Amino acid sequence: MLDLLKREIIKLKYPKLQGFDKTNYVDIGAYLYGAGKIFLCRNASILKGAMLYGESDEEVAIRLAENVQVREYTYLHAYGGHIFLGKNSSVAPYSLIYGNGGVNIGDNCMIANHCSIVAFNHNFSDNDSLMIDQGLSAKGIVIGDDVWIGAHVTILDGVKVGNGVILGAGSVVTKNIEDYAIAMGTPAKVVKFRRKKDILKENVR
């Protein structure tokens, strides 16, 4: 009975929330802004304290695929772009994702606590103007399938992270990371591969 009441409260608070039904879950302690641009697939869940901002001109600003879990006190803001999370992926507590240029996260990805995924950058080329007045650039971020992002990792705009990648805790990712690489450090560098590169090339052919 209590769960049914909570579900009815969510329906009243966010009548335009897309895909919300008895198969998915939004905690009454979560906060959804621009809920009409947020889409939940089957078994997606948004837990207590999570904040999702669906502010975008795109039809869907934030999309949580099947079995996605957005954990406690995470912060997802589309900022005019979008944030798409693939099936079975999760975002751990206190992580932040800015979707200005578009953030596409694949299936079966694990994003640990206190991570930052930021799909924009401040322009600063004009030394005669304040940086705050020079606007933003936004290229977007792509993260493949089966990726494990360790705690306190930062991924900067314009980066593509391949399939099967592991990013070590505390890394700052400024450049593309190849499939099945293990990368760590500031800036992140590949230290080894989970699969031999010749096998990877065979799979591509």
C-alpha atoms as a PDB file:
ATOM      1  CA  MET A   1       0.000   0.000   0.000  1.00  0.00           C
ATOM      2  CA  LEU A   2       2.828   2.417   0.899  1.00  0.00           C
ATOM      3  CA  ASP A   3       4.639   1.737  -2.397  1.00  0.00           C
ATOM      4  CA  LEU A   4       1.424   2.377  -4.301  1.00  0.00           C
ATOM      5  CA  LEU A   5       0.963   5.695  -2.481  1.00  0.00           C
ATOM      6  CA  LYS A   6       4.536   6.743  -3.281  1.00  0.00           C
ATOM      7  CA  ARG A   7       3.969   5.923  -6.953  1.00  0.00           C
ATOM      8  CA  GLU A   8       0.838   8.064  -7.021  1.00  0.00           C
ATOM      9  CA  ILE A   9       2.764  10.950  -5.447  1.00  0.00           C
ATOM     10  CA  ILE A  10       5.398  10.710  -8.206  1.00  0.00           C
ATOM     11  CA  LYS A  11       2.664  10.736 -10.854  1.00  0.00           C
ATOM     12  CA  LEU A  12       1.202  13.893  -9.327  1.00  0.00           C
ATOM     13  CA  LYS A  13       4.593  15.613  -8.991  1.00  0.00           C
ATOM     14  CA  TYR A  14       5.809  14.683 -12.488  1.00  0.00           C
ATOM     15  CA  PRO A  15       2.802  14.086 -14.743  1.00  0.00           C
ATOM     16  CA  LYS A  16       4.891  14.551 -17.909  1.00  0.00           C
ATOM     17  CA  LEU A  17       7.630  12.079 -16.939  1.00  0.00           C
ATOM     18  CA  GLN A  18       7.996   9.730 -19.905  1.00  0.00           C
ATOM     19  CA  GLY A  19       7.784   5.958 -19.496  1.00  0.00           C
ATOM     20  CA  PHE A  20       6.953   5.985 -15.794  1.00  0.00           C
ATOM     21  CA  ASP A  21       4.928   2.897 -14.889  1.00  0.00           C
ATOM     22  CA  LYS A  22       4.801   0.068 -12.384  1.00  0.00           C
ATOM     23  CA  THR A  23       7.980  -1.517 -13.789  1.00  0.00           C
ATOM     24  CA  ASN A  24      10.335   1.336 -12.822  1.00  0.00           C
ATOM     25  CA  TYR A  25      10.991   3.371  -9.691  1.00  0.00           C
ATOM     26  CA  VAL A  26      11.473   6.991  -8.658  1.00  0.00           C
ATOM     27  CA  ASP A  27      12.047   7.700  -4.977  1.00  0.00           C
ATOM     28  CA  ILE A  28       9.939  10.533  -3.563  1.00  0.00           C
ATOM     29  CA  GLY A  29      13.204  12.040  -2.308  1.00  0.00           C
ATOM     30  CA  ALA A  30      14.557  12.405  -5.854  1.00  0.00           C
ATOM     31  CA  TYR A  31      14.253  15.705  -7.746  1.00  0.00           C
ATOM     32  CA  LEU A  32      13.328  15.870 -11.440  1.00  0.00           C
ATOM     33  CA  TYR A  33      13.340  19.208 -13.269  1.00  0.00           C
ATOM     34  CA  GLY A  34      11.986  19.340 -16.804  1.00  0.00           C
ATOM     35  CA  ALA A  35      10.572  15.858 -16.227  1.00  0.00           C
ATOM     36  CA  GLY A  36       8.778  15.939 -19.590  1.00  0.00           C
ATOM     37  CA  LYS A  37      12.193  15.504 -21.251  1.00  0.00           C
ATOM     38  CA  ILE A  38      13.176  12.520 -19.067  1.00  0.00           C
ATOM     39  CA  PHE A  39      12.427   8.976 -20.282  1.00  0.00           C
ATOM     40  CA  LEU A  40      12.502   5.864 -18.109  1.00  0.00           C
ATOM     41  CA  CYS A  41      12.607   2.381 -19.584  1.00  0.00           C
ATOM     42  CA  ARG A  42      11.607  -0.842 -17.861  1.00  0.00           C
ATOM     43  CA  ASN A  43      13.187  -1.384 -14.418  1.00  0.00           C
ATOM     44  CA  ALA A  44      15.034   1.936 -14.460  1.00  0.00           C
ATOM     45  CA  SER A  45      15.353   3.489 -11.012  1.00  0.00           C
ATOM     46  CA  ILE A  46      16.192   6.911  -9.572  1.00  0.00           C
ATOM     47  CA  LEU A  47      17.059   6.823  -5.884  1.00  0.00           C
ATOM     48  CA  LYS A  48      16.849   9.263  -2.976  1.00  0.00           C
ATOM     49  CA  GLY A  49      18.516  12.633  -3.400  1.00  0.00           C
ATOM     50  CA  ALA A  50      19.323  12.204  -7.093  1.00  0.00           C
ATOM     51  CA  MET A  51      18.817  15.386  -9.129  1.00  0.00           C
ATOM     52  CA  LEU A  52      17.983  15.181 -12.853  1.00  0.00           C
ATOM     53  CA  TYR A  53      17.597  18.269 -15.031  1.00  0.00           C
ATOM     54  CA  GLY A  54      15.948  17.675 -18.388  1.00  0.00           C
ATOM     55  CA  GLU A  55      16.527  21.182 -19.737  1.00  0.00           C
ATOM     56  CA  SER A  56      17.081  20.774 -23.492  1.00  0.00           C
ATOM     57  CA  ASP A  57      15.581  21.501 -26.901  1.00  0.00           C
ATOM     58  CA  GLU A  58      15.964  17.803 -27.718  1.00  0.00           C
ATOM     59  CA  GLU A  59      12.855  15.660 -27.501  1.00  0.00           C
ATOM     60  CA  VAL A  60      14.466  13.448 -24.865  1.00  0.00           C
ATOM     61  CA  ALA A  61      17.143  15.057 -22.700  1.00  0.00           C
ATOM     62  CA  ILE A  62      17.822  12.199 -20.278  1.00  0.00           C
ATOM     63  CA  ARG A  63      17.119   8.571 -21.166  1.00  0.00           C
ATOM     64  CA  LEU A  64      17.579   5.684 -18.760  1.00  0.00           C
ATOM     65  CA  ALA A  65      17.457   2.351 -20.585  1.00  0.00           C
ATOM     66  CA  GLU A  66      16.326  -0.965 -19.079  1.00  0.00           C
ATOM     67  CA  ASN A  67      17.692  -1.779 -15.628  1.00  0.00           C
ATOM     68  CA  VAL A  68      19.618   1.488 -15.292  1.00  0.00           C
ATOM     69  CA  GLN A  69      20.158   2.642 -11.726  1.00  0.00           C
ATOM     70  CA  VAL A  70      20.852   6.260 -10.806  1.00  0.00           C
ATOM     71  CA  ARG A  71      22.009   6.063  -7.216  1.00  0.00           C
ATOM     72  CA  GLU A  72      21.641   8.396  -4.255  1.00  0.00           C
ATOM     73  CA  TYR A  73      22.697  12.055  -4.588  1.00  0.00           C
ATOM     74  CA  THR A  74      23.844  11.888  -8.190  1.00  0.00           C
ATOM     75  CA  TYR A  75      23.505  14.957 -10.439  1.00  0.00           C
ATOM     76  CA  LEU A  76      22.563  14.690 -14.121  1.00  0.00           C
ATOM     77  CA  HIS A  77      22.026  17.921 -16.066  1.00  0.00           C
ATOM     78  CA  ALA A  78      21.323  17.895 -19.820  1.00  0.00           C
ATOM     79  CA  TYR A  79      22.250  21.590 -20.210  1.00  0.00           C
ATOM     80  CA  GLY A  80      20.716  21.811 -23.681  1.00  0.00           C
ATOM     81  CA  GLY A  81      22.160  18.486 -24.837  1.00  0.00           C
ATOM     82  CA  HIS A  82      21.371  14.967 -23.685  1.00  0.00           C
ATOM     83  CA  ILE A  83      22.459  12.157 -21.380  1.00  0.00           C
ATOM     84  CA  PHE A  84      21.685   8.612 -22.528  1.00  0.00           C
ATOM     85  CA  LEU A  85      22.510   5.621 -20.319  1.00  0.00           C
ATOM     86  CA  GLY A  86      22.461   2.131 -21.885  1.00  0.00           C
ATOM     87  CA  LYS A  87      20.827  -0.928 -20.356  1.00  0.00           C
ATOM     88  CA  ASN A  88      22.144  -2.413 -17.116  1.00  0.00           C
ATOM     89  CA  SER A  89      24.355   0.631 -16.458  1.00  0.00           C
ATOM     90  CA  SER A  90      24.611   2.421 -13.125  1.00  0.00           C
ATOM     91  CA  VAL A  91      25.783   5.735 -11.690  1.00  0.00           C
ATOM     92  CA  ALA A  92      27.014   5.591  -8.087  1.00  0.00           C
ATOM     93  CA  PRO A  93      26.394   8.222  -5.390  1.00  0.00           C
ATOM     94  CA  TYR A  94      27.699  11.780  -5.739  1.00  0.00           C
ATOM     95  CA  SER A  95      28.659  11.459  -9.403  1.00  0.00           C
ATOM     96  CA  LEU A  96      27.973  14.294 -11.842  1.00  0.00           C
ATOM     97  CA  ILE A  97      27.188  14.262 -15.573  1.00  0.00           C
ATOM     98  CA  TYR A  98      26.822  17.406 -17.715  1.00  0.00           C
ATOM     99  CA  GLY A  99      25.281  16.706 -21.118  1.00  0.00           C
ATOM    100  CA  ASN A 100      25.865  19.985 -23.012  1.00  0.00           C
ATOM    101  CA  GLY A 101      27.469  18.374 -26.078  1.00  0.00           C
ATOM    102  CA  GLY A 102      25.740  15.041 -25.594  1.00  0.00           C
ATOM    103  CA  VAL A 103      26.794  12.149 -23.364  1.00  0.00           C
ATOM    104  CA  ASN A 104      26.195   8.634 -24.695  1.00  0.00           C
ATOM    105  CA  ILE A 105      26.979   5.833 -22.244  1.00  0.00           C
ATOM    106  CA  GLY A 106      26.752   2.225 -23.442  1.00  0.00           C
ATOM    107  CA  ASP A 107      25.325  -0.952 -21.936  1.00  0.00           C
ATOM    108  CA  ASN A 108      26.604  -2.665 -18.783  1.00  0.00           C
ATOM    109  CA  CYS A 109      28.700   0.291 -17.611  1.00  0.00           C
ATOM    110  CA  MET A 110      29.659   0.875 -13.976  1.00  0.00           C
ATOM    111  CA  ILE A 111      30.285   4.478 -12.939  1.00  0.00           C
ATOM    112  CA  ALA A 112      31.649   4.618  -9.404  1.00  0.00           C
ATOM    113  CA  ASN A 113      31.118   7.328  -6.790  1.00  0.00           C
ATOM    114  CA  HIS A 114      32.278  10.938  -7.140  1.00  0.00           C
ATOM    115  CA  CYS A 115      32.912  10.759 -10.904  1.00  0.00           C
ATOM    116  CA  SER A 116      32.579  13.780 -13.214  1.00  0.00           C
ATOM    117  CA  ILE A 117      31.629  13.416 -16.882  1.00  0.00           C
ATOM    118  CA  VAL A 118      31.592  16.895 -18.409  1.00  0.00           C
ATOM    119  CA  ALA A 119      30.598  17.391 -22.060  1.00  0.00           C
ATOM    120  CA  PHE A 120      31.619  21.046 -22.418  1.00  0.00           C
ATOM    121  CA  ASN A 121      34.594  23.314 -21.926  1.00  0.00           C
ATOM    122  CA  HIS A 122      35.164  27.031 -21.386  1.00  0.00           C
ATOM    123  CA  ASN A 123      36.730  28.970 -24.276  1.00  0.00           C
ATOM    124  CA  PHE A 124      39.856  30.920 -23.325  1.00  0.00           C
ATOM    125  CA  SER A 125      41.791  31.741 -26.534  1.00  0.00           C
ATOM    126  CA  ASP A 126      41.232  35.521 -26.341  1.00  0.00           C
ATOM    127  CA  ASN A 127      43.634  36.828 -23.701  1.00  0.00           C
ATOM    128  CA  ASP A 128      42.088  40.308 -23.938  1.00  0.00           C
ATOM    129  CA  SER A 129      38.684  39.109 -22.764  1.00  0.00           C
ATOM    130  CA  LEU A 130      37.509  37.546 -19.565  1.00  0.00           C
ATOM    131  CA  MET A 131      37.148  33.783 -19.843  1.00  0.00           C
ATOM    132  CA  ILE A 132      33.674  34.060 -18.394  1.00  0.00           C
ATOM    133  CA  ASP A 133      32.671  36.135 -21.457  1.00  0.00           C
ATOM    134  CA  GLN A 134      34.099  33.780 -24.106  1.00  0.00           C
ATOM    135  CA  GLY A 135      31.351  31.175 -24.061  1.00  0.00           C
ATOM    136  CA  LEU A 136      31.552  27.407 -24.211  1.00  0.00           C
ATOM    137  CA  SER A 137      32.490  24.665 -26.631  1.00  0.00           C
ATOM    138  CA  ALA A 138      30.690  21.325 -26.504  1.00  0.00           C
ATOM    139  CA  LYS A 139      31.874  18.318 -28.518  1.00  0.00           C
ATOM    140  CA  GLY A 140      30.253  15.493 -26.567  1.00  0.00           C
ATOM    141  CA  ILE A 141      31.418  12.329 -24.838  1.00  0.00           C
ATOM    142  CA  VAL A 142      30.938   8.702 -25.916  1.00  0.00           C
ATOM    143  CA  ILE A 143      31.478   5.780 -23.545  1.00  0.00           C
ATOM    144  CA  GLY A 144      31.262   2.263 -24.964  1.00  0.00           C
ATOM    145  CA  ASP A 145      29.777  -0.945 -23.549  1.00  0.00           C
ATOM    146  CA  ASP A 146      31.125  -2.885 -20.567  1.00  0.00           C
ATOM    147  CA  VAL A 147      33.138   0.006 -19.132  1.00  0.00           C
ATOM    148  CA  TRP A 148      34.198   0.284 -15.489  1.00  0.00           C
ATOM    149  CA  ILE A 149      34.888   3.848 -14.360  1.00  0.00           C
ATOM    150  CA  GLY A 150      36.606   3.927 -10.969  1.00  0.00           C
ATOM    151  CA  ALA A 151      35.881   6.339  -8.139  1.00  0.00           C
ATOM    152  CA  HIS A 152      36.741  10.040  -8.579  1.00  0.00           C
ATOM    153  CA  VAL A 153      37.411   9.729 -12.331  1.00  0.00           C
ATOM    154  CA  THR A 154      36.958  12.852 -14.478  1.00  0.00           C
ATOM    155  CA  ILE A 155      36.173  12.522 -18.204  1.00  0.00           C
ATOM    156  CA  LEU A 156      36.529  15.725 -20.221  1.00  0.00           C
ATOM    157  CA  ASP A 157      34.708  16.938 -23.319  1.00  0.00           C
ATOM    158  CA  GLY A 158      35.456  15.430 -26.725  1.00  0.00           C
ATOM    159  CA  VAL A 159      36.613  12.063 -25.354  1.00  0.00           C
ATOM    160  CA  LYS A 160      35.604   8.632 -26.649  1.00  0.00           C
ATOM    161  CA  VAL A 161      36.079   5.700 -24.276  1.00  0.00           C
ATOM    162  CA  GLY A 162      36.065   2.332 -26.056  1.00  0.00           C
ATOM    163  CA  ASN A 163      34.325  -0.919 -25.194  1.00  0.00           C
ATOM    164  CA  GLY A 164      35.585  -2.979 -22.283  1.00  0.00           C
ATOM    165  CA  VAL A 165      37.738  -0.193 -20.827  1.00  0.00           C
ATOM    166  CA  ILE A 166      38.748   0.124 -17.172  1.00  0.00           C
ATOM    167  CA  LEU A 167      39.575   3.623 -15.885  1.00  0.00           C
ATOM    168  CA  GLY A 168      41.552   3.600 -12.651  1.00  0.00           C
ATOM    169  CA  ALA A 169      40.337   5.550  -9.641  1.00  0.00           C
ATOM    170  CA  GLY A 170      41.220   9.236  -9.664  1.00  0.00           C
ATOM    171  CA  SER A 171      42.130   9.361 -13.358  1.00  0.00           C
ATOM    172  CA  VAL A 172      41.569  12.419 -15.546  1.00  0.00           C
ATOM    173  CA  VAL A 173      40.682  11.349 -19.078  1.00  0.00           C
ATOM    174  CA  THR A 174      41.618  13.969 -21.677  1.00  0.00           C
ATOM    175  CA  LYS A 175      42.075  11.784 -24.793  1.00  0.00           C
ATOM    176  CA  ASN A 176      40.361   8.820 -26.449  1.00  0.00           C
ATOM    177  CA  ILE A 177      40.896   5.407 -24.844  1.00  0.00           C
ATOM    178  CA  GLU A 178      41.073   2.317 -27.072  1.00  0.00           C
ATOM    179  CA  ASP A 179      38.874  -0.772 -26.658  1.00  0.00           C
ATOM    180  CA  TYR A 180      39.773  -3.060 -23.744  1.00  0.00           C
ATOM    181  CA  ALA A 181      42.470  -0.752 -22.425  1.00  0.00           C
ATOM    182  CA  ILE A 182      43.232  -0.235 -18.747  1.00  0.00           C
ATOM    183  CA  ALA A 183      44.093   3.432 -18.246  1.00  0.00           C
ATOM    184  CA  MET A 184      44.985   5.466 -15.188  1.00  0.00           C
ATOM    185  CA  GLY A 185      46.681   8.628 -14.047  1.00  0.00           C
ATOM    186  CA  THR A 186      46.493  12.379 -14.605  1.00  0.00           C
ATOM    187  CA  PRO A 187      46.230  12.629 -17.518  1.00  0.00           C
ATOM    188  CA  ALA A 188      45.096   9.029 -18.014  1.00  0.00           C
ATOM    189  CA  LYS A 189      47.464   6.782 -19.963  1.00  0.00           C
ATOM    190  CA  VAL A 190      47.014   3.199 -21.115  1.00  0.00           C
ATOM    191  CA  VAL A 191      49.063   0.834 -18.941  1.00  0.00           C
ATOM    192  CA  LYS A 192      47.920  -2.483 -20.465  1.00  0.00           C
ATOM    193  CA  PHE A 193      45.181  -4.143 -22.509  1.00  0.00           C
ATOM    194  CA  ARG A 194      42.663  -6.672 -21.270  1.00  0.00           C
ATOM    195  CA  ARG A 195      42.861  -8.378 -24.672  1.00  0.00           C
ATOM    196  CA  LYS A 196      45.751  -8.697 -27.091  1.00  0.00           C
ATOM    197  CA  LYS A 197      45.575  -6.028 -29.786  1.00  0.00           C
ATOM    198  CA  ASP A 198      45.972  -8.561 -32.613  1.00  0.00           C
ATOM    199  CA  ILE A 199      42.830 -10.334 -31.380  1.00  0.00           C
ATOM    200  CA  LEU A 200      40.995  -7.012 -31.363  1.00  0.00           C
ATOM    201  CA  LYS A 201      42.028  -6.379 -34.979  1.00  0.00           C
ATOM    202  CA  GLU A 202      40.794  -9.853 -35.986  1.00  0.00           C
ATOM    203  CA  ASN A 203      37.401  -9.084 -34.467  1.00  0.00           C
ATOM    204  CA  VAL A 204      37.132  -5.855 -36.453  1.00  0.00           C
ATOM    205  CA  ARG A 205      37.716  -7.562 -39.835  1.00  0.00           C
END
